[in-house]
Amino acid sequence: MHQSIYQRVFFNYLQLLIVTALFIQKATKQEIKQEDAYVLYFLHQRNCYEQGICESEVQQEYLHWCERTLDKYPDNLEWDKTIERLREEKIIDIENEKIYLKELVLGHIK
């Protein structure tokens, strides 16, 4: 079927808008809670981008890390809610019982 040049141009323009919207969404900075930031920094320190970390062991390792790094346990840690929130925001992913970072973590803990 023969498409007019205007139909093709419009279709290409529409594709460009979709790609641009997806890029802008991925490039925006996300503000997160302090407890989320600690968990993300811990996962970053463990290089969980490709190798992941075992879901059944991560909470205990995180608590030990907090004690060594922050000299305290986090106040009112709600681990399951934190992990679910990070998963909903597509910052982490859980596959085969391992937690993976999907987003690059920038910054440091003061």
Protein backbone atom coordinates (compact mmCIF):
# COMPACT_ATOMS: atom_id res chain seq x y z
CA MET A 1 0.00 0.00 0.00
CA HIS A 2 1.28 3.44 -0.88
CA GLN A 3 1.81 5.86 2.01
CA SER A 4 2.06 9.53 1.44
CA ILE A 5 5.22 11.33 2.47
CA TYR A 6 3.21 13.16 5.14
CA GLN A 7 2.14 9.89 6.76
CA ARG A 8 5.74 8.65 6.89
CA VAL A 9 7.02 11.95 8.26
CA PHE A 10 4.29 11.99 10.91
CA PHE A 11 5.08 8.37 11.89
CA ASN A 12 8.82 9.18 12.17
CA TYR A 13 8.02 12.28 14.24
CA LEU A 14 5.82 10.21 16.55
CA GLN A 15 8.59 7.65 17.02
CA LEU A 16 11.04 10.44 17.85
CA LEU A 17 8.67 11.86 20.48
CA ILE A 18 8.29 8.46 22.14
CA VAL A 19 12.05 7.85 22.22
CA THR A 20 12.64 11.36 23.59
CA ALA A 21 10.05 10.88 26.34
CA LEU A 22 11.64 7.58 27.37
CA PHE A 23 15.11 9.15 27.43
CA ILE A 24 13.97 12.10 29.54
CA GLN A 25 12.26 9.76 32.00
CA LYS A 26 15.47 7.72 32.44
CA ALA A 27 17.67 10.82 32.71
CA THR A 28 15.75 12.54 35.49
CA LYS A 29 17.17 12.58 38.98
CA GLN A 30 15.07 10.71 41.52
CA GLU A 31 14.83 11.91 45.09
CA ILE A 32 14.76 9.03 47.55
CA LYS A 33 14.41 8.56 51.28
CA GLN A 34 17.53 8.39 53.45
CA GLU A 35 16.94 4.72 54.33
CA ASP A 36 16.60 3.93 50.61
CA ALA A 37 19.85 5.78 49.94
CA TYR A 38 21.70 3.69 52.53
CA VAL A 39 20.40 0.45 51.00
CA LEU A 40 21.33 1.60 47.50
CA TYR A 41 24.80 2.67 48.58
CA PHE A 42 25.29 -0.71 50.27
CA LEU A 43 24.23 -2.52 47.08
CA HIS A 44 26.56 -0.26 45.09
CA GLN A 45 29.47 -1.09 47.41
CA ARG A 46 28.70 -4.79 46.84
CA ASN A 47 28.73 -4.21 43.04
CA CYS A 48 25.22 -5.59 42.60
CA TYR A 49 24.91 -4.32 39.04
CA GLU A 50 25.77 -7.60 37.30
CA GLN A 51 26.45 -10.20 39.98
CA GLY A 52 23.58 -9.39 42.35
CA ILE A 53 23.36 -10.37 45.99
CA CYS A 54 21.44 -13.25 47.54
CA GLU A 55 18.06 -12.03 48.75
CA SER A 56 18.03 -14.32 51.79
CA GLU A 57 21.37 -13.01 53.12
CA VAL A 58 21.31 -9.35 52.13
CA GLN A 59 19.39 -7.95 55.11
CA GLN A 60 21.80 -9.38 57.68
CA GLU A 61 24.82 -8.24 55.64
CA TYR A 62 23.25 -4.79 55.37
CA LEU A 63 22.82 -4.52 59.15
CA HIS A 64 26.47 -5.49 59.70
CA TRP A 65 27.52 -2.96 57.05
CA CYS A 66 25.50 -0.23 58.82
CA GLU A 67 27.14 -1.03 62.13
CA ARG A 68 30.64 -0.82 60.58
CA THR A 69 30.04 2.11 58.23
CA LEU A 70 27.52 4.23 60.10
CA ASP A 71 28.42 3.10 63.63
CA LYS A 72 24.74 2.32 64.25
CA TYR A 73 21.76 0.37 63.04
CA PRO A 74 19.30 2.33 60.91
CA ASP A 75 16.30 3.67 62.84
CA ASN A 76 13.03 1.86 62.20
CA LEU A 77 14.30 -0.17 59.26
CA GLU A 78 11.39 -1.59 57.30
CA TRP A 79 13.42 -3.79 54.97
CA ASP A 80 10.55 -5.33 52.98
CA LYS A 81 8.91 -1.94 52.35
CA THR A 82 12.22 -0.38 51.33
CA ILE A 83 13.01 -3.18 48.87
CA GLU A 84 9.49 -3.09 47.42
CA ARG A 85 9.62 0.70 47.02
CA LEU A 86 12.97 0.50 45.20
CA ARG A 87 11.62 -2.28 43.02
CA GLU A 88 8.47 -0.30 42.15
CA GLU A 89 10.63 2.67 41.15
CA LYS A 90 12.67 0.30 38.94
CA ILE A 91 15.91 1.10 40.75
CA ILE A 92 16.49 -2.54 41.71
CA ASP A 93 15.32 -5.84 40.30
CA ILE A 94 15.00 -9.28 41.85
CA GLU A 95 15.74 -12.30 39.66
CA ASN A 96 16.42 -15.87 40.76
CA GLU A 97 16.39 -14.78 44.42
CA LYS A 98 19.12 -12.18 43.83
CA ILE A 99 18.85 -8.40 44.09
CA TYR A 100 20.39 -6.39 41.24
CA LEU A 101 20.92 -2.65 40.87
CA LYS A 102 19.36 -1.38 37.66
CA GLU A 103 20.42 2.25 38.07
CA LEU A 104 23.89 3.69 38.56
CA VAL A 105 24.42 5.00 42.09
CA LEU A 106 26.26 8.32 42.30
CA GLY A 107 27.44 10.04 45.44
CA HIS A 108 28.64 9.01 48.85
CA ILE A 109 27.44 8.83 52.43
CA LYS A 110 28.47 11.67 54.72
